[in-house]
């Protein structure tokens, strides 16, 4: 079977890749919780204005 260039063999498992981040920064595990808190604050602020 011929594979397309740049494609990995689907039968061999590949190690999980970390998320692609700009500038190589490393985020703490609490980051998604903080992002959700900010999102909830923005939503509540927008609802209070209308």
PDB file of N, CA and C in Angstrom:
ATOM      1  N   UNK A   1       0.848  -1.179   0.000  1.00  0.00           N
ATOM      2  CA  UNK A   1       0.000   0.000   0.000  1.00  0.00           C
ATOM      3  C   UNK A   1       0.896   1.245   0.000  1.00  0.00           C
ATOM      4  N   UNK A   2       0.558   2.224  -0.804  1.00  0.00           N
ATOM      5  CA  UNK A   2       1.337   3.462  -0.908  1.00  0.00           C
ATOM      6  C   UNK A   2       0.720   4.497   0.009  1.00  0.00           C
ATOM      7  N   UNK A   3       1.587   5.134   0.808  1.00  0.00           N
ATOM      8  CA  UNK A   3       1.107   6.167   1.726  1.00  0.00           C
ATOM      9  C   UNK A   3       1.327   7.539   1.125  1.00  0.00           C
ATOM     10  N   UNK A   4       0.463   8.460   1.487  1.00  0.00           N
ATOM     11  CA  UNK A   4       0.629   9.849   1.064  1.00  0.00           C
ATOM     12  C   UNK A   4       1.846  10.425   1.777  1.00  0.00           C
ATOM     13  N   UNK A   5       2.573  11.316   1.131  1.00  0.00           N
ATOM     14  CA  UNK A   5       3.740  11.922   1.787  1.00  0.00           C
ATOM     15  C   UNK A   5       3.340  12.656   3.057  1.00  0.00           C
ATOM     16  N   UNK A   6       4.138  12.492   4.097  1.00  0.00           N
ATOM     17  CA  UNK A   6       3.885  13.194   5.347  1.00  0.00           C
ATOM     18  C   UNK A   6       2.877  12.519   6.242  1.00  0.00           C
ATOM     19  N   UNK A   7       2.340  11.393   5.832  1.00  0.00           N
ATOM     20  CA  UNK A   7       1.358  10.684   6.644  1.00  0.00           C
ATOM     21  C   UNK A   7       2.044   9.566   7.416  1.00  0.00           C
ATOM     22  N   UNK A   8       1.694   9.437   8.680  1.00  0.00           N
ATOM     23  CA  UNK A   8       2.253   8.366   9.500  1.00  0.00           C
ATOM     24  C   UNK A   8       1.465   7.085   9.252  1.00  0.00           C
ATOM     25  N   UNK A   9       2.090   5.971   9.504  1.00  0.00           N
ATOM     26  CA  UNK A   9       1.423   4.688   9.371  1.00  0.00           C
ATOM     27  C   UNK A   9       0.357   4.600  10.450  1.00  0.00           C
ATOM     28  N   UNK A  10      -0.892   4.374  10.072  1.00  0.00           N
ATOM     29  CA  UNK A  10      -1.982   4.387  11.041  1.00  0.00           C
ATOM     30  C   UNK A  10      -1.954   3.169  11.949  1.00  0.00           C
ATOM     31  N   UNK A  11      -1.228   2.114  11.580  1.00  0.00           N
ATOM     32  CA  UNK A  11      -1.200   0.922  12.416  1.00  0.00           C
ATOM     33  C   UNK A  11      -0.234   1.066  13.583  1.00  0.00           C
ATOM     34  N   UNK A  12       0.722   1.992  13.510  1.00  0.00           N
ATOM     35  CA  UNK A  12       1.654   2.169  14.621  1.00  0.00           C
ATOM     36  C   UNK A  12       1.166   3.311  15.508  1.00  0.00           C
ATOM     37  N   UNK A  13       1.047   3.041  16.807  1.00  0.00           N
ATOM     38  CA  UNK A  13       0.575   4.108  17.705  1.00  0.00           C
ATOM     39  C   UNK A  13       1.625   5.197  17.849  1.00  0.00           C
ATOM     40  N   UNK A  14       1.174   6.423  17.895  1.00  0.00           N
ATOM     41  CA  UNK A  14       2.096   7.542  18.073  1.00  0.00           C
ATOM     42  C   UNK A  14       1.906   8.089  19.483  1.00  0.00           C
ATOM     43  N   UNK A  15       2.948   8.604  20.081  1.00  0.00           N
ATOM     44  CA  UNK A  15       2.806   9.162  21.436  1.00  0.00           C
ATOM     45  C   UNK A  15       1.927  10.406  21.396  1.00  0.00           C
ATOM     46  N   UNK A  16       1.211  10.672  22.480  1.00  0.00           N
ATOM     47  CA  UNK A  16       0.356  11.867  22.498  1.00  0.00           C
ATOM     48  C   UNK A  16       1.210  13.128  22.411  1.00  0.00           C
ATOM     49  N   UNK A  17       0.721  14.092  21.664  1.00  0.00           N
ATOM     50  CA  UNK A  17       1.440  15.347  21.487  1.00  0.00           C
ATOM     51  C   UNK A  17       0.850  16.399  22.405  1.00  0.00           C
ATOM     52  N   UNK A  18       1.689  17.232  23.023  1.00  0.00           N
ATOM     53  CA  UNK A  18       1.154  18.326  23.835  1.00  0.00           C
ATOM     54  C   UNK A  18       0.498  19.361  22.926  1.00  0.00           C
ATOM     55  N   UNK A  19      -0.377  20.189  23.469  1.00  0.00           N
ATOM     56  CA  UNK A  19      -1.006  21.216  22.637  1.00  0.00           C
ATOM     57  C   UNK A  19       0.046  22.145  22.030  1.00  0.00           C
ATOM     58  N   UNK A  20      -0.244  22.621  20.839  1.00  0.00           N
ATOM     59  CA  UNK A  20       0.687  23.528  20.171  1.00  0.00           C
ATOM     60  C   UNK A  20       0.532  24.910  20.785  1.00  0.00           C
ATOM     61  N   UNK A  21       1.625  25.427  21.317  1.00  0.00           N
ATOM     62  CA  UNK A  21       1.606  26.734  21.955  1.00  0.00           C
ATOM     63  C   UNK A  21       2.592  27.651  21.253  1.00  0.00           C
ATOM     64  N   UNK A  22       2.301  28.927  21.273  1.00  0.00           N
ATOM     65  CA  UNK A  22       3.207  29.890  20.679  1.00  0.00           C
ATOM     66  C   UNK A  22       4.379  30.149  21.619  1.00  0.00           C
ATOM     67  N   UNK A  23       5.526  30.375  21.069  1.00  0.00           N
ATOM     68  CA  UNK A  23       6.721  30.758  21.810  1.00  0.00           C
ATOM     69  C   UNK A  23       7.181  29.713  22.823  1.00  0.00           C
ATOM     70  N   UNK A  24       6.652  28.492  22.780  1.00  0.00           N
ATOM     71  CA  UNK A  24       7.113  27.419  23.655  1.00  0.00           C
ATOM     72  C   UNK A  24       6.735  27.577  25.115  1.00  0.00           C
ATOM     73  N   UNK A  25       5.669  28.326  25.430  1.00  0.00           N
ATOM     74  CA  UNK A  25       5.297  28.506  26.827  1.00  0.00           C
ATOM     75  C   UNK A  25       4.680  27.221  27.383  1.00  0.00           C
ATOM     76  N   UNK A  26       4.744  27.072  28.688  1.00  0.00           N
ATOM     77  CA  UNK A  26       4.176  25.917  29.374  1.00  0.00           C
ATOM     78  C   UNK A  26       3.086  26.417  30.299  1.00  0.00           C
ATOM     79  N   UNK A  27       1.893  25.829  30.184  1.00  0.00           N
ATOM     80  CA  UNK A  27       0.757  26.270  30.989  1.00  0.00           C
ATOM     81  C   UNK A  27       0.546  25.322  32.158  1.00  0.00           C
ATOM     82  N   UNK A  28       0.076  25.864  33.260  1.00  0.00           N
ATOM     83  CA  UNK A  28      -0.181  25.033  34.436  1.00  0.00           C
ATOM     84  C   UNK A  28      -1.512  24.304  34.256  1.00  0.00           C
ATOM     85  N   UNK A  29      -1.723  23.244  35.027  1.00  0.00           N
ATOM     86  CA  UNK A  29      -2.994  22.498  34.922  1.00  0.00           C
ATOM     87  C   UNK A  29      -4.216  23.326  35.339  1.00  0.00           C
ATOM     88  N   UNK A  30      -4.029  24.408  36.074  1.00  0.00           N
ATOM     89  CA  UNK A  30      -5.154  25.232  36.524  1.00  0.00           C
ATOM     90  C   UNK A  30      -5.641  26.185  35.429  1.00  0.00           C
ATOM     91  N   UNK A  31      -4.921  26.281  34.333  1.00  0.00           N
ATOM     92  CA  UNK A  31      -5.258  27.223  33.266  1.00  0.00           C
ATOM     93  C   UNK A  31      -6.679  27.057  32.736  1.00  0.00           C
ATOM     94  N   UNK A  32      -7.155  25.848  32.431  1.00  0.00           N
ATOM     95  CA  UNK A  32      -8.544  25.736  31.939  1.00  0.00           C
ATOM     96  C   UNK A  32      -9.575  26.220  32.960  1.00  0.00           C
ATOM     97  N   UNK A  33      -9.311  26.010  34.249  1.00  0.00           N
ATOM     98  CA  UNK A  33     -10.241  26.466  35.289  1.00  0.00           C
ATOM     99  C   UNK A  33     -10.285  27.992  35.316  1.00  0.00           C
ATOM    100  N   UNK A  34      -9.118  28.618  35.216  1.00  0.00           N
ATOM    101  CA  UNK A  34      -9.062  30.078  35.199  1.00  0.00           C
ATOM    102  C   UNK A  34      -9.752  30.634  33.958  1.00  0.00           C
ATOM    103  N   UNK A  35      -9.554  29.989  32.826  1.00  0.00           N
ATOM    104  CA  UNK A  35     -10.201  30.445  31.587  1.00  0.00           C
ATOM    105  C   UNK A  35     -11.722  30.342  31.704  1.00  0.00           C
ATOM    106  N   UNK A  36     -12.205  29.279  32.309  1.00  0.00           N
ATOM    107  CA  UNK A  36     -13.647  29.119  32.495  1.00  0.00           C
ATOM    108  C   UNK A  36     -14.195  30.186  33.439  1.00  0.00           C
ATOM    109  N   UNK A  37     -13.448  30.508  34.482  1.00  0.00           N
ATOM    110  CA  UNK A  37     -13.887  31.552  35.419  1.00  0.00           C
ATOM    111  C   UNK A  37     -13.976  32.902  34.717  1.00  0.00           C
ATOM    112  N   UNK A  38     -12.999  33.211  33.882  1.00  0.00           N
ATOM    113  CA  UNK A  38     -13.026  34.476  33.136  1.00  0.00           C
ATOM    114  C   UNK A  38     -14.220  34.492  32.187  1.00  0.00           C
ATOM    115  N   UNK A  39     -14.458  33.380  31.508  1.00  0.00           N
ATOM    116  CA  UNK A  39     -15.592  33.303  30.583  1.00  0.00           C
ATOM    117  C   UNK A  39     -16.912  33.519  31.317  1.00  0.00           C
ATOM    118  N   UNK A  40     -17.063  32.912  32.482  1.00  0.00           N
ATOM    119  CA  UNK A  40     -18.295  33.095  33.258  1.00  0.00           C
ATOM    120  C   UNK A  40     -18.455  34.537  33.722  1.00  0.00           C
ATOM    121  N   UNK A  41     -17.358  35.190  34.075  1.00  0.00           N
ATOM    122  CA  UNK A  41     -17.431  36.605  34.460  1.00  0.00           C
ATOM    123  C   UNK A  41     -17.860  37.474  33.285  1.00  0.00           C
ATOM    124  N   UNK A  42     -17.334  37.202  32.108  1.00  0.00           N
ATOM    125  CA  UNK A  42     -17.707  37.968  30.918  1.00  0.00           C
ATOM    126  C   UNK A  42     -19.179  37.765  30.608  1.00  0.00           C
ATOM    127  N   UNK A  43     -19.650  36.531  30.679  1.00  0.00           N
ATOM    128  CA  UNK A  43     -21.062  36.249  30.393  1.00  0.00           C
ATOM    129  C   UNK A  43     -21.966  36.954  31.393  1.00  0.00           C
ATOM    130  N   UNK A  44     -21.626  36.885  32.681  1.00  0.00           N
ATOM    131  CA  UNK A  44     -22.486  37.530  33.674  1.00  0.00           C
ATOM    132  C   UNK A  44     -22.473  39.047  33.518  1.00  0.00           C
ATOM    133  N   UNK A  45     -21.331  39.626  33.135  1.00  0.00           N
ATOM    134  CA  UNK A  45     -21.256  41.064  32.919  1.00  0.00           C
ATOM    135  C   UNK A  45     -22.115  41.474  31.724  1.00  0.00           C
ATOM    136  N   UNK A  46     -22.055  40.709  30.658  1.00  0.00           N
ATOM    137  CA  UNK A  46     -22.848  41.034  29.472  1.00  0.00           C
ATOM    138  C   UNK A  46     -24.344  40.897  29.741  1.00  0.00           C
ATOM    139  N   UNK A  47     -24.732  39.917  30.549  1.00  0.00           N
ATOM    140  CA  UNK A  47     -26.148  39.753  30.874  1.00  0.00           C
ATOM    141  C   UNK A  47     -26.639  40.898  31.763  1.00  0.00           C
ATOM    142  N   UNK A  48     -25.782  41.386  32.643  1.00  0.00           N
ATOM    143  CA  UNK A  48     -26.167  42.478  33.536  1.00  0.00           C
ATOM    144  C   UNK A  48     -26.368  43.776  32.764  1.00  0.00           C
ATOM    145  N   UNK A  49     -25.679  43.939  31.656  1.00  0.00           N
ATOM    146  CA  UNK A  49     -25.786  45.171  30.855  1.00  0.00           C
ATOM    147  C   UNK A  49     -27.056  45.204  30.016  1.00  0.00           C
ATOM    148  N   UNK A  50     -27.612  44.057  29.699  1.00  0.00           N
ATOM    149  CA  UNK A  50     -28.794  44.044  28.813  1.00  0.00           C
ATOM    150  C   UNK A  50     -30.083  44.036  29.599  1.00  0.00           C
TER     151      UNK A  50
END
